[in-house]
Amino acid sequence: MTELRPGDASLLRKVNTKVTLSALRRAGVATLTQLGRVTGLSRQTVEAVLDELGERGYVREVPPDEGVMGRPARRFGFRADAGYVVGVEVGGDAIVAALADLNGEVIAWERAEISGDAAAHERLEAAERTALACVDGAGVAHRRVWTVAAGTSGIVDRTGRVSLSITLPGWTGVDLAGLAGRWFGCTALAANDANLAALAEHWRGSAQHAADVVYVLIGHRAGAGILIGGRLHPGRTGAAGEIGTLRQVGWEDAARELVKDASAAEVFEAALGGDRDAVRRVDRYAENLAIGASALVLAIDPDLLVLGGGYARAGAVLLEPLRRHLAELCVSAPEVVASTFGDEGVAIGAVRLALDHAEREILGL
């Protein structure tokens, strides 16, 4: 018989706790017998683990259904309200905050407009106000927020610092993760907005079925995020996907040309109605998008290209010419679809990033 070494018993408890909690989260509500069958653990071990998780506030015992005869089996459920995560988009013209429980269900939203010319400290103050209003409006105590994640434009390094921002005044060098951590006194993370939007699509959106994904975010600015094997690929410095910074691609010029004398919504609507000038402008915009997107497609050969951001709401009037130009430029063009979330994708991706951290570092999953 192999002797247990020091620390083995503690490790075994951690493993038992992990598999039991994971099984309960998947099941929603389960009995001791059901959890034992799924985990392969004895009834006594499962019961001991659940009692400990109950003391920590992660599990609750579910009352039996009315009308059940005899002695009902004990049932347990995961407490998704044991803690919360906050996802925030710190954008060029708006701040969007989402509060979610530990199942990732968003229970509150908050949005605030902000000037594109706002100074860095004004943008940060607006982000903090919006995040606090989101949590306070839902009646959640600040101490119950476990993790915050923020998404923003520009290159964000692995520490959550903005290493380069071209579009937001004074944004280069901002320690976004460090500052966001002060809002609720918890761990905070930060990442590029297009990367987070790609994460949202893979989690619960248009890219759930795809492993390798290119996400192109279009609106007041354009950017791209990359998923390889279902995982974010930010690159060595966080700059992967920043194809729009290459002047020769023409994304910035194309965006300015699209809205030179009308809003994007007006141009797309006119094109949908058959206005020839609007159709030509949308086609030129789609062609420029395709040039940059094709560079990523040719490098990665993804399963899917997702078009997201405010302009993606144009639908087929933009998607169709984009598909046509991609087919002309790529050896094998991927499927092209619109985002499920539109301009809420970054905040939802930030929720997923925060939830990943909470699951790994707090729940031990």
Protein backbone atom coordinates (compact mmCIF):
# COMPACT_ATOMS: atom_id res chain seq x y z
CA MET A 1 0.00 0.00 0.00
CA THR A 2 1.40 3.39 -1.00
CA GLU A 3 1.93 5.75 1.92
CA LEU A 4 0.49 9.24 1.76
CA ARG A 5 3.14 11.89 1.61
CA PRO A 6 2.86 15.22 3.45
CA GLY A 7 0.41 17.42 1.58
CA ASP A 8 -1.28 14.54 -0.27
CA ALA A 9 -4.39 14.65 1.92
CA SER A 10 -4.73 18.40 1.39
CA LEU A 11 -4.32 17.98 -2.36
CA LEU A 12 -6.92 15.21 -2.38
CA ARG A 13 -9.41 17.46 -0.59
CA LYS A 14 -8.82 20.19 -3.16
CA VAL A 15 -9.36 17.77 -6.04
CA ASN A 16 -12.53 16.38 -4.46
CA THR A 17 -13.83 19.89 -3.87
CA LYS A 18 -13.05 20.92 -7.45
CA VAL A 19 -14.77 17.99 -9.12
CA THR A 20 -17.81 18.18 -6.84
CA LEU A 21 -18.29 21.91 -7.31
CA SER A 22 -17.79 21.63 -11.07
CA ALA A 23 -20.38 18.84 -11.28
CA LEU A 24 -22.87 20.81 -9.19
CA ARG A 25 -22.49 23.93 -11.34
CA ARG A 26 -23.17 21.90 -14.47
CA ALA A 27 -26.18 20.17 -12.93
CA GLY A 28 -27.72 23.22 -11.29
CA VAL A 29 -29.42 21.14 -8.60
CA ALA A 30 -28.39 17.58 -7.69
CA THR A 31 -28.67 14.96 -4.97
CA LEU A 32 -25.78 13.32 -3.16
CA THR A 33 -26.35 10.15 -5.16
CA GLN A 34 -26.32 12.01 -8.48
CA LEU A 35 -23.13 13.88 -7.60
CA GLY A 36 -21.47 10.68 -6.43
CA ARG A 37 -22.33 9.00 -9.73
CA VAL A 38 -20.93 11.88 -11.78
CA THR A 39 -17.76 12.44 -9.75
CA GLY A 40 -17.00 8.84 -8.83
CA LEU A 41 -16.66 9.86 -5.17
CA SER A 42 -18.31 8.12 -2.24
CA ARG A 43 -21.51 9.52 -0.76
CA GLN A 44 -19.67 10.34 2.47
CA THR A 45 -16.95 12.27 0.62
CA VAL A 46 -19.48 14.23 -1.44
CA GLU A 47 -21.49 15.08 1.66
CA ALA A 48 -18.38 16.28 3.51
CA VAL A 49 -17.34 18.45 0.55
CA LEU A 50 -20.82 19.97 0.24
CA ASP A 51 -20.94 20.76 3.95
CA GLU A 52 -17.63 22.58 3.66
CA LEU A 53 -18.76 24.45 0.53
CA GLY A 54 -21.96 25.37 2.34
CA GLU A 55 -19.97 26.91 5.18
CA ARG A 56 -18.05 28.95 2.63
CA GLY A 57 -21.32 30.18 1.14
CA TYR A 58 -20.92 28.53 -2.27
CA VAL A 59 -23.59 25.85 -1.92
CA ARG A 60 -27.12 25.78 -0.50
CA GLU A 61 -29.43 22.92 0.34
CA VAL A 62 -32.54 23.01 -1.82
CA PRO A 63 -35.87 22.30 -0.08
CA PRO A 64 -37.77 19.24 -1.35
CA ASP A 65 -40.60 19.70 -3.82
CA GLU A 66 -44.06 19.95 -2.32
CA GLY A 67 -46.01 16.71 -2.20
CA VAL A 68 -42.98 14.41 -2.08
CA MET A 69 -43.81 11.35 -0.01
CA GLY A 70 -41.43 9.70 2.44
CA ARG A 71 -37.98 10.96 3.28
CA PRO A 72 -36.79 13.02 0.31
CA ALA A 73 -33.19 12.89 -0.88
CA ARG A 74 -31.07 15.87 0.08
CA ARG A 75 -30.63 18.21 -2.87
CA PHE A 76 -27.99 20.87 -3.30
CA GLY A 77 -27.52 23.83 -5.60
CA PHE A 78 -24.63 26.12 -6.45
CA ARG A 79 -25.05 29.65 -5.13
CA ALA A 80 -24.42 31.82 -8.15
CA ASP A 81 -25.08 34.86 -5.94
CA ALA A 82 -22.19 34.05 -3.62
CA GLY A 83 -20.15 36.58 -5.55
CA TYR A 84 -20.27 38.77 -8.63
CA VAL A 85 -18.02 40.00 -11.42
CA VAL A 86 -18.10 43.29 -13.30
CA GLY A 87 -17.22 43.80 -16.95
CA VAL A 88 -16.64 47.33 -18.25
CA GLU A 89 -15.97 48.79 -21.66
CA VAL A 90 -14.08 52.08 -21.47
CA GLY A 91 -14.78 53.30 -24.98
CA GLY A 92 -14.23 56.41 -27.04
CA ASP A 93 -17.75 57.79 -26.72
CA ALA A 94 -19.39 55.58 -24.09
CA ILE A 95 -18.78 53.60 -20.93
CA VAL A 96 -20.70 50.31 -20.63
CA ALA A 97 -20.77 48.25 -17.43
CA ALA A 98 -22.30 44.82 -16.80
CA LEU A 99 -22.77 43.04 -13.47
CA ALA A 100 -22.96 39.23 -13.59
CA ASP A 101 -23.34 36.42 -11.08
CA LEU A 102 -21.04 33.41 -10.84
CA ASN A 103 -22.96 31.62 -13.58
CA GLY A 104 -22.16 34.48 -15.91
CA GLU A 105 -25.75 35.72 -16.05
CA VAL A 106 -25.82 39.50 -16.46
CA ILE A 107 -28.22 40.98 -13.90
CA ALA A 108 -27.59 44.70 -14.42
CA TRP A 109 -26.36 47.08 -17.11
CA GLU A 110 -25.27 50.70 -16.92
CA ARG A 111 -24.27 53.00 -19.77
CA ALA A 112 -22.91 56.55 -19.84
CA GLU A 113 -21.97 58.73 -22.76
CA ILE A 114 -18.62 60.50 -22.79
CA SER A 115 -16.90 62.91 -25.16
CA GLY A 116 -14.27 61.48 -27.44
CA ASP A 117 -12.07 64.43 -26.42
CA ALA A 118 -12.33 63.68 -22.69
CA ALA A 119 -9.05 63.69 -20.78
CA ALA A 120 -7.80 60.43 -19.34
CA HIS A 121 -8.75 61.30 -15.77
CA GLU A 122 -12.27 62.26 -16.88
CA ARG A 123 -12.67 58.96 -18.73
CA LEU A 124 -11.44 57.01 -15.71
CA GLU A 125 -13.79 58.88 -13.36
CA ALA A 126 -16.70 58.20 -15.71
CA ALA A 127 -15.79 54.51 -15.85
CA GLU A 128 -15.69 54.29 -12.05
CA ARG A 129 -19.03 56.09 -11.68
CA THR A 130 -20.65 53.82 -14.24
CA ALA A 131 -19.32 50.63 -12.65
CA LEU A 132 -20.41 51.75 -9.17
CA ALA A 133 -23.85 52.77 -10.43
CA CYS A 134 -24.28 49.36 -12.06
CA VAL A 135 -23.49 47.49 -8.83
CA ASP A 136 -25.33 49.89 -6.53
CA GLY A 137 -28.40 49.88 -8.76
CA ALA A 138 -28.60 46.10 -8.40
CA GLY A 139 -28.35 46.36 -4.61
CA VAL A 140 -25.13 44.33 -4.47
CA ALA A 141 -22.61 45.08 -1.70
CA HIS A 142 -19.19 46.12 -3.01
CA ARG A 143 -17.46 43.41 -0.95
CA ARG A 144 -19.35 40.79 -2.97
CA VAL A 145 -17.67 41.86 -6.22
CA TRP A 146 -14.87 39.36 -6.69
CA THR A 147 -13.26 40.53 -9.93
CA VAL A 148 -13.47 43.44 -12.36
CA ALA A 149 -12.32 43.35 -15.98
CA ALA A 150 -12.11 46.35 -18.31
CA GLY A 151 -11.79 46.51 -22.07
CA THR A 152 -10.51 49.48 -24.04
CA SER A 153 -9.02 50.41 -27.39
CA GLY A 154 -5.31 50.32 -27.99
CA ILE A 155 -2.60 47.87 -27.05
CA VAL A 156 -3.02 46.52 -23.52
CA ASP A 157 -0.14 44.50 -22.09
CA ARG A 158 -0.34 41.45 -19.86
CA THR A 159 -0.32 43.56 -16.69
CA GLY A 160 -3.41 45.50 -17.79
CA ARG A 161 -1.56 48.68 -18.68
CA VAL A 162 -2.35 50.54 -21.92
CA SER A 163 1.02 50.55 -23.68
CA LEU A 164 -0.22 52.44 -26.72
CA SER A 165 -3.42 54.26 -27.59
CA ILE A 166 -3.81 56.28 -30.76
CA THR A 167 -7.46 57.30 -30.46
CA LEU A 168 -7.99 58.24 -26.78
CA PRO A 169 -6.27 61.40 -25.44
CA GLY A 170 -3.68 60.73 -22.75
CA TRP A 171 -4.55 57.05 -22.62
CA THR A 172 -1.08 55.65 -23.36
CA GLY A 173 0.53 54.49 -20.14
CA VAL A 174 -2.70 54.29 -18.10
CA ASP A 175 -2.64 51.40 -15.62
CA LEU A 176 -6.25 50.48 -16.29
CA ALA A 177 -6.22 47.22 -14.33
CA GLY A 178 -4.53 48.80 -11.32
CA LEU A 179 -6.97 51.71 -11.19
CA ALA A 180 -10.05 49.54 -11.78
CA GLY A 181 -9.01 47.37 -8.85
CA ARG A 182 -9.61 50.31 -6.52
CA TRP A 183 -13.28 50.63 -7.46
CA PHE A 184 -14.35 47.65 -5.36
CA GLY A 185 -11.10 46.72 -3.63
CA CYS A 186 -10.68 43.51 -5.62
CA THR A 187 -8.53 42.01 -8.35
CA ALA A 188 -8.94 43.75 -11.70
CA LEU A 189 -7.87 42.85 -15.22
CA ALA A 190 -7.75 44.80 -18.48
CA ALA A 191 -7.54 43.81 -22.12
CA ASN A 192 -8.01 45.10 -25.64
CA ASP A 193 -11.66 45.68 -26.57
CA ALA A 194 -11.65 43.66 -29.81
CA ASN A 195 -10.08 40.70 -28.02
CA LEU A 196 -12.78 40.78 -25.36
CA ALA A 197 -15.52 41.06 -27.97
CA ALA A 198 -14.08 37.98 -29.69
CA LEU A 199 -14.13 36.17 -26.34
CA ALA A 200 -17.80 37.08 -25.88
CA GLU A 201 -18.73 35.68 -29.29
CA HIS A 202 -16.95 32.41 -28.56
CA TRP A 203 -18.59 32.15 -25.14
CA ARG A 204 -22.22 32.83 -25.98
CA GLY A 205 -22.39 34.39 -29.42
CA SER A 206 -21.86 33.78 -33.09
CA ALA A 207 -18.55 31.93 -32.70
CA GLN A 208 -19.56 29.21 -30.21
CA HIS A 209 -19.01 26.52 -32.83
CA ALA A 210 -15.63 27.84 -34.04
CA ALA A 211 -12.13 27.24 -32.68
CA ASP A 212 -10.10 29.70 -34.79
CA VAL A 213 -11.76 33.10 -35.12
CA VAL A 214 -10.94 36.55 -36.46
CA TYR A 215 -13.15 39.25 -34.96
CA VAL A 216 -13.24 42.66 -36.64
CA LEU A 217 -14.68 45.49 -34.54
CA ILE A 218 -15.96 48.43 -36.56
CA GLY A 219 -17.49 51.70 -35.43
CA HIS A 220 -15.81 55.00 -34.66
CA ARG A 221 -12.59 53.01 -34.89
CA ALA A 222 -11.62 49.61 -36.25
CA GLY A 223 -9.71 46.84 -34.55
CA ALA A 224 -9.38 43.08 -34.58
CA GLY A 225 -9.15 40.24 -32.10
CA ILE A 226 -7.93 36.69 -32.62
CA LEU A 227 -8.90 33.36 -31.11
CA ILE A 228 -6.76 30.30 -31.82
CA GLY A 229 -7.97 26.97 -30.52
CA GLY A 230 -10.73 28.78 -28.67
CA ARG A 231 -8.24 30.87 -26.69
CA LEU A 232 -7.41 34.54 -27.00
CA HIS A 233 -4.18 35.25 -28.84
CA PRO A 234 -3.04 38.70 -27.68
CA GLY A 235 0.53 38.11 -28.80
CA ARG A 236 3.81 38.87 -27.09
CA THR A 237 2.97 42.49 -26.20
CA GLY A 238 -0.80 42.49 -26.65
CA ALA A 239 -0.57 43.90 -30.18
CA ALA A 240 -1.81 40.86 -32.12
CA GLY A 241 -4.63 41.85 -34.48
CA GLU A 242 -3.72 45.56 -34.58
CA ILE A 243 -3.77 45.47 -38.36
CA GLY A 244 -5.67 48.77 -38.46
CA THR A 245 -2.59 50.67 -37.28
CA LEU A 246 -0.92 49.88 -40.60
CA ARG A 247 -1.62 52.99 -42.68
CA GLN A 248 -1.47 51.08 -45.96
CA VAL A 249 -4.51 49.02 -44.94
CA GLY A 250 -6.60 52.18 -45.04
CA TRP A 251 -9.11 51.40 -42.31
CA GLU A 252 -9.02 54.90 -40.80
CA ASP A 253 -9.29 56.62 -44.17
CA ALA A 254 -12.17 54.36 -45.18
CA ALA A 255 -14.08 55.13 -41.98
CA ARG A 256 -13.67 58.89 -42.52
CA GLU A 257 -14.78 58.60 -46.13
CA LEU A 258 -17.88 56.64 -45.13
CA VAL A 259 -19.16 59.40 -42.83
CA LYS A 260 -17.78 62.46 -44.61
CA ASP A 261 -21.17 64.20 -44.87
CA ALA A 262 -23.63 61.92 -43.06
CA SER A 263 -23.76 59.49 -40.17
CA ALA A 264 -22.92 55.84 -40.77
CA ALA A 265 -26.50 54.87 -39.99
CA GLU A 266 -27.78 57.28 -42.66
CA VAL A 267 -25.33 55.97 -45.26
CA PHE A 268 -26.23 52.34 -44.55
CA GLU A 269 -29.95 53.14 -44.67
CA ALA A 270 -29.56 54.96 -47.97
CA ALA A 271 -27.59 52.04 -49.41
CA LEU A 272 -30.28 49.64 -48.26
CA GLY A 273 -32.79 51.82 -50.10
CA GLY A 274 -30.78 51.58 -53.33
CA ASP A 275 -29.09 55.02 -53.35
CA ARG A 276 -26.22 54.57 -55.82
CA ASP A 277 -23.77 56.92 -54.14
CA ALA A 278 -24.39 55.30 -50.75
CA VAL A 279 -24.00 51.82 -52.26
CA ARG A 280 -20.65 52.85 -53.76
CA ARG A 281 -19.45 54.30 -50.45
CA VAL A 282 -20.42 51.20 -48.50
CA ASP A 283 -18.71 49.03 -51.11
CA ARG A 284 -15.48 51.04 -50.84
CA TYR A 285 -15.64 50.77 -47.07
CA ALA A 286 -16.22 47.01 -47.28
CA GLU A 287 -13.29 46.67 -49.70
CA ASN A 288 -10.93 48.43 -47.29
CA LEU A 289 -12.18 46.29 -44.41
CA ALA A 290 -11.58 43.20 -46.53
CA ILE A 291 -7.99 44.20 -47.29
CA GLY A 292 -7.05 44.29 -43.61
CA ALA A 293 -9.22 41.33 -42.67
CA SER A 294 -7.78 39.23 -45.50
CA ALA A 295 -4.27 39.72 -44.13
CA LEU A 296 -5.42 38.14 -40.87
CA VAL A 297 -7.41 35.45 -42.66
CA LEU A 298 -4.45 34.47 -44.84
CA ALA A 299 -2.17 34.30 -41.78
CA ILE A 300 -4.52 32.37 -39.50
CA ASP A 301 -6.91 30.54 -41.87
CA PRO A 302 -9.77 30.82 -39.34
CA ASP A 303 -13.04 28.93 -39.22
CA LEU A 304 -15.01 32.15 -38.91
CA LEU A 305 -14.81 35.90 -39.31
CA VAL A 306 -17.15 37.85 -37.03
CA LEU A 307 -18.03 41.47 -37.75
CA GLY A 308 -18.91 43.39 -34.60
CA GLY A 309 -19.24 46.87 -33.16
CA GLY A 310 -21.77 49.59 -33.91
CA TYR A 311 -21.46 49.44 -37.71
CA ALA A 312 -22.10 45.68 -37.78
CA ARG A 313 -25.77 46.47 -37.17
CA ALA A 314 -25.95 47.47 -40.83
CA GLY A 315 -26.41 43.77 -41.56
CA ALA A 316 -26.46 42.39 -45.08
CA VAL A 317 -25.90 45.77 -46.74
CA LEU A 318 -22.34 45.64 -45.37
CA LEU A 319 -21.83 41.90 -44.93
CA GLU A 320 -22.55 41.02 -48.55
CA PRO A 321 -19.92 43.29 -50.15
CA LEU A 322 -17.45 42.31 -47.44
CA ARG A 323 -17.95 38.62 -48.25
CA ARG A 324 -17.50 39.35 -51.96
CA HIS A 325 -14.25 41.26 -51.49
CA LEU A 326 -12.88 38.66 -49.07
CA ALA A 327 -13.57 35.93 -51.61
CA GLU A 328 -11.53 37.87 -54.17
CA LEU A 329 -8.59 38.37 -51.80
CA CYS A 330 -8.38 35.08 -49.90
CA VAL A 331 -7.33 31.63 -51.01
CA SER A 332 -10.21 30.22 -48.98
CA ALA A 333 -12.47 32.80 -47.38
CA PRO A 334 -14.08 31.77 -44.08
CA GLU A 335 -17.73 32.09 -43.16
CA VAL A 336 -18.56 35.73 -42.34
CA VAL A 337 -21.25 36.51 -39.75
CA ALA A 338 -22.46 39.47 -37.71
CA SER A 339 -21.88 39.71 -33.99
CA THR A 340 -24.58 38.46 -31.64
CA PHE A 341 -23.97 41.29 -29.18
CA GLY A 342 -23.26 44.40 -31.24
CA ASP A 343 -21.86 47.17 -29.08
CA GLU A 344 -22.37 45.20 -25.84
CA GLY A 345 -19.83 42.56 -26.84
CA VAL A 346 -16.82 44.16 -25.15
CA ALA A 347 -18.53 44.36 -21.75
CA ILE A 348 -19.75 40.76 -22.07
CA GLY A 349 -16.25 39.60 -22.99
CA ALA A 350 -14.93 41.50 -19.95
CA VAL A 351 -17.46 39.58 -17.81
CA ARG A 352 -16.08 36.31 -19.20
CA LEU A 353 -12.49 37.37 -18.48
CA ALA A 354 -13.40 38.36 -14.91
CA LEU A 355 -15.35 35.14 -14.42
CA ASP A 356 -12.39 33.06 -15.64
CA HIS A 357 -10.25 34.66 -12.94
CA ALA A 358 -12.87 34.19 -10.20
CA GLU A 359 -13.34 30.54 -11.12
CA ARG A 360 -9.65 29.82 -11.18
CA GLU A 361 -8.36 31.87 -8.25
CA ILE A 362 -11.33 31.94 -5.85
CA LEU A 363 -13.50 28.92 -6.62
CA GLY A 364 -10.45 26.82 -7.46
CA LEU A 365 -11.86 25.63 -10.79
